[in-house]
Amino acid sequence: MLGAQKSEQPEAVDRDQPEKDSSRENESKSSVTPETLGNQLKSLALEYKEQHQLQKPAIVVDFHTHLLPRQWPDFAARYGYGGFISLDHDQTKVDRPGNARMMKNKIFFREIEPNCWDLDVRVADMNRDGIDVQVVSTVPVMFNYWAKADDTADMCRILNNDMAKEIQKHPKRFIGLGTLPMQAPELAIAELRRCIKELNFPGVQIGSHVNEWNLDAPELLPFWEAAEELGARVFIHPWDMKVTRRDRKYWIPWLVGMPAETSQAVVCVLMGGILKKFPKLKICFAHGAGSYPFTVGRIEHGYNSRPEFCATDCSESPKSFSGCFYADSIVHSPKSMELLVDVVGEDKVVFGTDYPFPIGEVTGSAKGIYPGKVVDETPSLTQDVRKKILGHNALEFLGLKPESFLC
């Protein structure tokens, strides 16, 4: 559970020069034995732990979670061609009772648990883990940018309407991000406007690319302009990693491909001048901005050393946009967390888990894992910074107030 795992470390004590006590100044140095010094250190550590015990922030917001409808139409039958995901609830075929099977062209894709669609199950898990609010978005496999644009637009309306209906069952516990038919920017803008104006979503989730378009494609400029105008927040999630024969072992597309895919999206947004053209945009990248924080030095060097390749579309370097975009906290390592905070800023990291999927920071996904573990175990994060990351930053990004969610 958040805030209940470990405390910050006590300040180091010089073992060769113990702190002086004026009442003992005349005592012999030999009176300071290893045993008494050890007791002093233990007492100091206990006192520090009591004073600095990590506490659960006023509000904890899990920004990165995924939600599906309990059921949806047979899209292949609805549109007249295949390639879409369907959900099979036949209990004679699942490994665990209550689960459902995601199918693609009637071929098994993935088995999922009720926490993918049942908000009551999610609330129970949130209460267990000390999470007050989840921000929910669809599973990226449902983007369907490859399909006919009108069909994807219809599907987006179905998914968005279901999400809006479901979160109204627990309006103080869930915030929705819509999905859009990004392969047709004019349709995407129309659904974006509906998400903001009618469904009261603060923003949307989009993919890290749209078929053959990177996020700096000229075709997408009207979308970015509309998002800025509407004040719509945009969460960018990796998807559609190309799988070759070299990538079939070790879950390479998810472990290596996703961070690379996200980093490419970051670079295209920055070098493509999207944030320069639309400086009021609010953008957040999934999975700690992928591999970008570790490679930003190389990327910056490339921009400066080979401007003929890298500085073609933006007169400002990638590092100049530090602090201008957000990233979630799903980095799985305290050292990675420190680097992320250093690169994007302590005000721009939002807590996320990737719930309910085991690749995220989800209770039970691996031994000792719980939501917020990396934040708890990053010693350089002060209490104030932890509060920002675990709740304040997400609400700031979304333009929402804690009072709207605290009972």
Foldseek 3Di string as FASTA:
>chain_A
DPQQDDFFFDDDADPVDGDDDVVCPPPDPVVDDPVNVVVVVVVRRVVVCVVTRGDDFPAFEAEAAEAFAPADDPLCVVPVHFQAWGKAQPQVPDPDPQWIFIDGPNHTDDIDHCVRYDVVVVVVQCVVQVHQAYEYAHDVSLLPLVDDLVSSLVVQVVGLVSVLVVCVVPVLHYAYAGHANVNQQVSRLVVQCCCVPPSVHLAHEDECARVPGGCLDPNCLVVLVSCLVSNHAYEYFYDDQDDDPVCPPPVCCVPPVRLVSLLSSLLCCQLSCSCVVRVSYEYEYEQLSRCCLVCVVVQQVCCVPPVVPRNPRPVDGSQVCAQSYAYEDFPPALVSNVSSCVRRNLLRYAYHFHPPDLSGQPPPSDPPGGGCPSVNPNNVQGSVSSNNHRPVSVCVSSVHDNVSNDD
